Each structure stands twice: as structure tokens, then as C-alpha cells.
C-alpha atoms as a PDB file:
ATOM      1  CA  UNK A   1      -0.026   0.124   0.126  1.00  0.00           C
ATOM      2  CA  UNK A   2       2.729   2.385   1.218  1.00  0.00           C
ATOM      3  CA  UNK A   3       4.488   1.314  -2.761  1.00  0.00           C
ATOM      4  CA  UNK A   4       0.938   2.508  -4.324  1.00  0.00           C
ATOM      5  CA  UNK A   5       0.695   5.460  -2.086  1.00  0.00           C
ATOM      6  CA  UNK A   6       4.404   6.510  -3.828  1.00  0.00           C
ATOM      7  CA  UNK A   7       3.930   5.529  -7.291  1.00  0.00           C
ATOM      8  CA  UNK A   8       1.020   7.673  -7.655  1.00  0.00           C
ATOM      9  CA  UNK A   9       3.168  10.321  -6.778  1.00  0.00           C
ATOM     10  CA  UNK A  10       5.861   9.571  -8.875  1.00  0.00           C
ATOM     11  CA  UNK A  11       3.469   9.314 -11.959  1.00  0.00           C
ATOM     12  CA  UNK A  12       1.473  11.903 -11.236  1.00  0.00           C
ATOM     13  CA  UNK A  13       1.169  14.516 -14.712  1.00  0.00           C
ATOM     14  CA  UNK A  14       2.210  17.452 -13.842  1.00  0.00           C
ATOM     15  CA  UNK A  15      -1.048  19.221 -14.485  1.00  0.00           C
ATOM     16  CA  UNK A  16      -2.247  17.663 -11.278  1.00  0.00           C
ATOM     17  CA  UNK A  17       0.825  17.546  -8.762  1.00  0.00           C
ATOM     18  CA  UNK A  18      -0.440  19.502  -6.565  1.00  0.00           C
ATOM     19  CA  UNK A  19      -0.500  20.357  -2.629  1.00  0.00           C
ATOM     20  CA  UNK A  20      -3.983  19.160  -2.549  1.00  0.00           C
ATOM     21  CA  UNK A  21      -3.389  15.730  -4.349  1.00  0.00           C
ATOM     22  CA  UNK A  22       0.277  15.355  -2.313  1.00  0.00           C
ATOM     23  CA  UNK A  23      -2.453  15.962   0.891  1.00  0.00           C
ATOM     24  CA  UNK A  24      -4.909  13.463  -0.206  1.00  0.00           C
ATOM     25  CA  UNK A  25      -1.576  11.007  -1.251  1.00  0.00           C
ATOM     26  CA  UNK A  26      -1.382  11.432   2.931  1.00  0.00           C
ATOM     27  CA  UNK A  27      -3.989  10.886   4.319  1.00  0.00           C
ATOM     28  CA  UNK A  28      -4.215   7.588   1.874  1.00  0.00           C
ATOM     29  CA  UNK A  29      -0.979   6.920   3.867  1.00  0.00           C
ATOM     30  CA  UNK A  30      -1.826   7.916   7.462  1.00  0.00           C
ATOM     31  CA  UNK A  31      -5.327   5.671   6.702  1.00  0.00           C
ATOM     32  CA  UNK A  32      -2.687   3.084   5.718  1.00  0.00           C
ATOM     33  CA  UNK A  33      -0.116   2.991   8.388  1.00  0.00           C
ATOM     34  CA  UNK A  34      -3.253   2.781  11.296  1.00  0.00           C
ATOM     35  CA  UNK A  35      -4.576  -0.241   9.590  1.00  0.00           C
ATOM     36  CA  UNK A  36      -1.305  -1.728   9.143  1.00  0.00           C
ATOM     37  CA  UNK A  37      -1.079  -0.524  13.183  1.00  0.00           C
ATOM     38  CA  UNK A  38      -4.103  -2.878  13.690  1.00  0.00           C
ATOM     39  CA  UNK A  39      -2.725  -6.226  11.813  1.00  0.00           C
ATOM     40  CA  UNK A  40       0.528  -5.862  13.635  1.00  0.00           C
ATOM     41  CA  UNK A  41      -1.223  -5.403  17.295  1.00  0.00           C
ATOM     42  CA  UNK A  42      -3.680  -8.679  16.072  1.00  0.00           C
ATOM     43  CA  UNK A  43      -0.601 -10.502  15.161  1.00  0.00           C
ATOM     44  CA  UNK A  44       1.276  -9.457  18.563  1.00  0.00           C
ATOM     45  CA  UNK A  45      -1.876 -10.856  19.929  1.00  0.00           C
ATOM     46  CA  UNK A  46      -1.549 -14.090  18.287  1.00  0.00           C
ATOM     47  CA  UNK A  47       2.387 -14.559  18.548  1.00  0.00           C
ATOM     48  CA  UNK A  48       1.905 -14.321  22.162  1.00  0.00           C
ATOM     49  CA  UNK A  49      -0.774 -16.511  22.754  1.00  0.00           C
ATOM     50  CA  UNK A  50       0.628 -18.950  20.347  1.00  0.00           C
ATOM     51  CA  UNK A  51       3.642 -19.025  22.379  1.00  0.00           C
ATOM     52  CA  UNK A  52       1.586 -19.357  26.000  1.00  0.00           C
ATOM     53  CA  UNK A  53      -0.376 -22.250  24.682  1.00  0.00           C
ATOM     54  CA  UNK A  54       3.137 -23.948  23.514  1.00  0.00           C
ATOM     55  CA  UNK A  55       4.114 -22.910  26.909  1.00  0.00           C
ATOM     56  CA  UNK A  56       1.477 -24.998  28.432  1.00  0.00           C
ATOM     57  CA  UNK A  57       1.608 -27.885  25.967  1.00  0.00           C
ATOM     58  CA  UNK A  58       5.475 -28.294  27.366  1.00  0.00           C
ATOM     59  CA  UNK A  59       4.179 -28.085  31.038  1.00  0.00           C
ATOM     60  CA  UNK A  60       1.656 -31.200  30.242  1.00  0.00           C
ATOM     61  CA  UNK A  61       4.188 -32.888  28.376  1.00  0.00           C
ATOM     62  CA  UNK A  62       6.588 -32.725  31.893  1.00  0.00           C
ATOM     63  CA  UNK A  63       3.499 -33.598  33.816  1.00  0.00           C
ATOM     64  CA  UNK A  64       2.623 -36.512  31.927  1.00  0.00           C
ATOM     65  CA  UNK A  65       6.609 -37.733  32.043  1.00  0.00           C
ATOM     66  CA  UNK A  66       6.641 -37.899  35.488  1.00  0.00           C
ATOM     67  CA  UNK A  67       3.040 -39.053  35.266  1.00  0.00           C
ATOM     68  CA  UNK A  68       4.302 -42.197  33.092  1.00  0.00           C
ATOM     69  CA  UNK A  69       7.912 -42.799  34.971  1.00  0.00           C
ATOM     70  CA  UNK A  70       5.397 -43.061  38.144  1.00  0.00           C
ATOM     71  CA  UNK A  71       2.752 -45.148  36.493  1.00  0.00           C
ATOM     72  CA  UNK A  72       5.598 -48.006  35.092  1.00  0.00           C
ATOM     73  CA  UNK A  73       7.328 -47.755  38.308  1.00  0.00           C
ATOM     74  CA  UNK A  74      10.106 -46.815  37.849  1.00  0.00           C
ATOM     75  CA  UNK A  75      12.872 -47.889  39.746  1.00  0.00           C
ATOM     76  CA  UNK A  76      15.051 -45.033  41.768  1.00  0.00           C
ATOM     77  CA  UNK A  77      18.517 -44.869  43.066  1.00  0.00           C
ATOM     78  CA  UNK A  78      18.312 -44.225  46.562  1.00  0.00           C
ATOM     79  CA  UNK A  79      18.004 -40.659  47.362  1.00  0.00           C
ATOM     80  CA  UNK A  80      15.918 -39.843  44.069  1.00  0.00           C
ATOM     81  CA  UNK A  81      13.090 -38.572  43.665  1.00  0.00           C
ATOM     82  CA  UNK A  82      10.631 -38.378  40.451  1.00  0.00           C
ATOM     83  CA  UNK A  83      10.867 -33.874  41.537  1.00  0.00           C
ATOM     84  CA  UNK A  84      14.404 -34.529  41.690  1.00  0.00           C
ATOM     85  CA  UNK A  85      14.961 -36.384  38.438  1.00  0.00           C
ATOM     86  CA  UNK A  86      12.723 -33.539  36.823  1.00  0.00           C
ATOM     87  CA  UNK A  87      14.317 -30.936  38.326  1.00  0.00           C
ATOM     88  CA  UNK A  88      17.463 -31.515  37.176  1.00  0.00           C
ATOM     89  CA  UNK A  89      16.820 -33.520  33.431  1.00  0.00           C
ATOM     90  CA  UNK A  90      13.699 -32.264  32.215  1.00  0.00           C
ATOM     91  CA  UNK A  91      12.797 -28.767  33.050  1.00  0.00           C
ATOM     92  CA  UNK A  92      16.542 -27.324  32.211  1.00  0.00           C
ATOM     93  CA  UNK A  93      15.922 -28.294  28.785  1.00  0.00           C
ATOM     94  CA  UNK A  94      11.935 -27.049  28.968  1.00  0.00           C
ATOM     95  CA  UNK A  95      12.672 -24.219  30.362  1.00  0.00           C
ATOM     96  CA  UNK A  96      15.540 -22.976  27.848  1.00  0.00           C
ATOM     97  CA  UNK A  97      13.250 -23.957  25.262  1.00  0.00           C
ATOM     98  CA  UNK A  98      10.700 -21.662  26.589  1.00  0.00           C
ATOM     99  CA  UNK A  99      13.071 -18.473  27.398  1.00  0.00           C
ATOM    100  CA  UNK A 100      14.171 -18.568  23.366  1.00  0.00           C
ATOM    101  CA  UNK A 101      10.544 -19.260  22.489  1.00  0.00           C
ATOM    102  CA  UNK A 102       9.975 -16.001  24.599  1.00  0.00           C
ATOM    103  CA  UNK A 103      13.835 -13.826  22.830  1.00  0.00           C
ATOM    104  CA  UNK A 104      12.661 -15.734  19.114  1.00  0.00           C
ATOM    105  CA  UNK A 105       8.180 -14.190  19.576  1.00  0.00           C
ATOM    106  CA  UNK A 106      10.276 -10.630  21.042  1.00  0.00           C
ATOM    107  CA  UNK A 107      13.220 -10.588  18.227  1.00  0.00           C
ATOM    108  CA  UNK A 108      10.094 -10.901  15.376  1.00  0.00           C
ATOM    109  CA  UNK A 109       7.475  -8.182  17.207  1.00  0.00           C
ATOM    110  CA  UNK A 110      10.471  -5.912  17.527  1.00  0.00           C
ATOM    111  CA  UNK A 111      11.855  -6.177  14.359  1.00  0.00           C
ATOM    112  CA  UNK A 112       8.521  -6.114  12.354  1.00  0.00           C
ATOM    113  CA  UNK A 113       7.615  -2.753  14.880  1.00  0.00           C
ATOM    114  CA  UNK A 114      11.140  -1.418  14.062  1.00  0.00           C
ATOM    115  CA  UNK A 115      10.399  -1.862   9.650  1.00  0.00           C
ATOM    116  CA  UNK A 116       6.946  -0.141   9.788  1.00  0.00           C
ATOM    117  CA  UNK A 117       8.272   2.556  11.664  1.00  0.00           C
ATOM    118  CA  UNK A 118      11.048   2.994   9.443  1.00  0.00           C
ATOM    119  CA  UNK A 119       8.539   2.309   6.394  1.00  0.00           C
ATOM    120  CA  UNK A 120       6.494   5.202   7.686  1.00  0.00           C
ATOM    121  CA  UNK A 121       9.149   7.801   8.149  1.00  0.00           C
ATOM    122  CA  UNK A 122      10.289   7.045   4.539  1.00  0.00           C
ATOM    123  CA  UNK A 123       6.819   7.633   3.393  1.00  0.00           C
ATOM    124  CA  UNK A 124       6.739  10.751   5.369  1.00  0.00           C
ATOM    125  CA  UNK A 125       9.537  12.640   4.655  1.00  0.00           C
ATOM    126  CA  UNK A 126       8.910  11.910   0.478  1.00  0.00           C
ATOM    127  CA  UNK A 127       5.209  13.104   1.077  1.00  0.00           C
ATOM    128  CA  UNK A 128       7.114  16.008   3.078  1.00  0.00           C
ATOM    129  CA  UNK A 129       9.297  16.733   0.334  1.00  0.00           C
ATOM    130  CA  UNK A 130       6.719  16.559  -2.372  1.00  0.00           C
ATOM    131  CA  UNK A 131       4.348  18.717  -0.316  1.00  0.00           C
ATOM    132  CA  UNK A 132       6.597  21.505   0.727  1.00  0.00           C
ATOM    133  CA  UNK A 133       7.825  21.313  -3.612  1.00  0.00           C
ATOM    134  CA  UNK A 134       4.084  21.366  -5.094  1.00  0.00           C
ATOM    135  CA  UNK A 135       3.149  23.711  -2.393  1.00  0.00           C
ATOM    136  CA  UNK A 136       5.789  25.583  -3.806  1.00  0.00           C
ATOM    137  CA  UNK A 137       4.657  25.075  -7.703  1.00  0.00           C
ATOM    138  CA  UNK A 138       0.644  26.369  -6.109  1.00  0.00           C
ATOM    139  CA  UNK A 139       2.485  29.193  -5.551  1.00  0.00           C
ATOM    140  CA  UNK A 140       4.480  29.945  -8.978  1.00  0.00           C
ATOM    141  CA  UNK A 141       1.335  29.590 -10.631  1.00  0.00           C
END
């Protein structure tokens, strides 16, 4: 959508290149920015919910593993408990995976947010340049 705004300015015939035309393009850009912000927020929320569901699945898998060990009467060495085995051998791995997932999601959201900001800033700068240019053209008519 942003490219269509810039392309409209680029292909505008000189007779139609006015401050009013640029302001119309600027309004389209603002509307797109607002709409894309809403979509971005929905995507970020969905990503967070997916991560939460995955973490719940991990917790269930840990419980199922412990339950399996207990039900199958796994032989324990003296001093070991099912809880201690889970804490020492299973939970560190799942905790790392949860942290990795959170880090990846955070990095993805930050990257998208930064990209959206930069694209918006570039388009706004182009619009502002052409707004100034078209105002000068209107004044010289």
C-alpha cells in the first residue's frame, strides 16, 4: 500500500501535481499506517497466545512424563525422587526452550515494529518533500 502512494506521486502528470493531491496521498498513507498498526497488534497478540499455548503444552508434557515414570514404577536410585529427576534432567531443557521461544517472539515483534516505523518514516519524508515542492509549484502558478 505504501508503494502505491509513492507510485501515485511518481506517475502523477505535472498538471495534477498540486498540494491538494499530495495531501490526499498523505491521508491515504495515514489511513494505511493506522490499519497496519491494528493488523500488527493482532499478529503480536496471536504470537503471544501461541507461545502461551506452547508453554502450556510443555508443562503438560512434563506432567505426563512424570506420571509415566510413576505409573510404570521406574526404579530409582537411593536418594532420588521423581521430582528431583524432573528438576535436574527435564525442566532445565524445557525452561531453555521457553526462554528461546520468548526471545524469538520478542525479536520478531521488535523487527516488525522497527521495519514498520522505518517504512513509515521514509514515506512520510517523501510526502513532506513533495508537499513542500507542490506548495511552491502552486504558489508559482
